[in-house]
Amino acid sequence: MPPLKLLFSLQGRIGRGLFWRVGVLGLLLVGLVLTALVNIAGYHGEKADGIVNLLLVWPAVAVSAKRWHDQDKSGWWVLITLIPVIGWIWTLVANGCRAGTPGPNQYGPAPQ
């Protein structure tokens, strides 16, 4: 899957490995780098966090939605992360540990 489609499209499916590499570790590293750059630019504290979160929210939603699709669930399951603590844990376990639907499903062919 092309990087732009992976990070910005809500369509398609991705496997657990790509979710961990891009959706968790990749976005975490990008977040750390962006936080450092925003702090260097003179923004600190909550303002810096807000800028970084704003830049990363869509790619995080897109990657998570694709992972839910792989389990034959609607991308709307992304909203479970709005539940403090429990929602994040649920999403991390469900998307990071549970296998996807074997073969094609309503969201597309099985990920490579």
Protein backbone atom coordinates (compact mmCIF):
# COMPACT_ATOMS: atom_id res chain seq x y z
CA MET A 1 0.00 0.00 0.00
CA PRO A 2 1.46 3.40 -0.94
CA PRO A 3 2.48 5.52 2.09
CA LEU A 4 0.01 8.35 1.36
CA LYS A 5 -2.88 5.91 1.08
CA LEU A 6 -1.76 4.15 4.25
CA LEU A 7 -1.65 7.37 6.26
CA PHE A 8 -4.54 9.36 4.81
CA SER A 9 -7.14 7.01 3.30
CA LEU A 10 -9.84 5.32 5.36
CA GLN A 11 -10.22 2.49 2.83
CA GLY A 12 -8.52 -0.87 2.74
CA ARG A 13 -6.98 -3.28 5.21
CA ILE A 14 -3.61 -3.68 6.91
CA GLY A 15 -2.16 -6.52 8.97
CA ARG A 16 -0.88 -6.50 12.53
CA GLY A 17 2.77 -6.12 11.56
CA LEU A 18 2.17 -2.96 9.56
CA PHE A 19 -0.08 -1.63 12.34
CA TRP A 20 2.75 -2.02 14.88
CA ARG A 21 5.45 -0.65 12.55
CA VAL A 22 3.53 2.33 11.19
CA GLY A 23 0.53 2.88 13.45
CA VAL A 24 2.31 2.56 16.76
CA LEU A 25 6.10 2.84 16.45
CA GLY A 26 6.17 5.03 13.35
CA LEU A 27 3.65 7.58 14.59
CA LEU A 28 5.29 7.58 18.04
CA LEU A 29 8.68 8.40 16.53
CA VAL A 30 7.20 11.05 14.24
CA GLY A 31 5.41 12.52 17.28
CA LEU A 32 8.67 12.72 19.23
CA VAL A 33 10.48 14.41 16.34
CA LEU A 34 7.61 16.84 15.75
CA THR A 35 7.49 17.68 19.46
CA ALA A 36 11.21 18.46 19.42
CA LEU A 37 10.85 20.63 16.30
CA VAL A 38 7.86 22.50 17.71
CA ASN A 39 9.76 23.13 20.96
CA ILE A 40 12.77 24.39 19.00
CA ALA A 41 10.41 26.73 17.12
CA GLY A 42 9.52 28.29 20.46
CA TYR A 43 6.24 26.61 21.35
CA HIS A 44 6.25 24.81 24.68
CA GLY A 45 3.93 22.78 26.88
CA GLU A 46 0.29 22.39 25.97
CA LYS A 47 0.60 24.49 22.82
CA ALA A 48 3.33 22.19 21.48
CA ASP A 49 1.32 19.08 22.37
CA GLY A 50 -1.75 20.49 20.66
CA ILE A 51 0.11 21.20 17.43
CA VAL A 52 1.66 17.71 17.33
CA ASN A 53 -1.63 15.99 18.17
CA LEU A 54 -3.43 17.94 15.48
CA LEU A 55 -0.87 16.84 12.88
CA LEU A 56 -0.98 13.16 13.89
CA VAL A 57 -4.68 12.57 14.57
CA TRP A 58 -5.71 11.84 10.97
CA PRO A 59 -2.88 9.37 10.19
CA ALA A 60 -3.60 7.57 13.48
CA VAL A 61 -7.32 7.33 12.66
CA ALA A 62 -6.60 6.13 9.11
CA VAL A 63 -4.21 3.37 10.22
CA SER A 64 -6.54 2.25 13.01
CA ALA A 65 -9.59 2.20 10.71
CA LYS A 66 -7.74 -0.04 8.26
CA ARG A 67 -6.86 -2.42 11.07
CA TRP A 68 -10.52 -2.58 12.18
CA HIS A 69 -11.42 -3.27 8.55
CA ASP A 70 -9.04 -6.23 8.56
CA GLN A 71 -11.15 -7.70 11.37
CA ASP A 72 -14.30 -7.11 9.27
CA LYS A 73 -15.44 -4.31 11.58
CA SER A 74 -16.49 -0.79 10.67
CA GLY A 75 -13.94 2.00 10.84
CA TRP A 76 -16.28 3.67 13.32
CA TRP A 77 -14.71 1.39 15.94
CA VAL A 78 -11.93 4.00 15.99
CA LEU A 79 -14.23 6.02 18.25
CA ILE A 80 -13.67 3.53 21.07
CA THR A 81 -10.38 5.35 21.71
CA LEU A 82 -12.44 8.26 23.05
CA ILE A 83 -13.10 6.21 26.19
CA PRO A 84 -10.25 7.19 28.54
CA VAL A 85 -7.64 4.50 29.23
CA ILE A 86 -9.92 1.49 28.54
CA GLY A 87 -10.55 2.57 24.95
CA TRP A 88 -6.83 2.90 24.20
CA ILE A 89 -6.05 -0.46 25.79
CA TRP A 90 -8.92 -2.13 23.91
CA THR A 91 -7.74 -0.65 20.60
CA LEU A 92 -4.13 -1.64 21.18
CA VAL A 93 -5.03 -5.23 22.09
CA ALA A 94 -7.71 -5.68 19.41
CA ASN A 95 -5.69 -4.12 16.61
CA GLY A 96 -2.25 -5.23 17.69
CA CYS A 97 -2.92 -8.82 18.75
CA ARG A 98 -6.07 -10.16 17.08
CA ALA A 99 -5.74 -11.75 13.66
CA GLY A 100 -7.70 -10.31 10.78
CA THR A 101 -10.36 -12.05 8.73
CA PRO A 102 -8.74 -14.66 6.46
CA GLY A 103 -9.25 -13.96 2.78
CA PRO A 104 -11.20 -11.06 1.33
CA ASN A 105 -13.95 -9.32 3.28
CA GLN A 106 -16.29 -6.39 2.60
CA TYR A 107 -13.37 -3.94 3.01
CA GLY A 108 -11.08 -5.51 0.44
CA PRO A 109 -8.60 -8.31 -0.13
CA ALA A 110 -6.49 -9.71 2.70
CA PRO A 111 -3.38 -7.61 3.39
CA GLN A 112 -0.03 -8.88 2.10
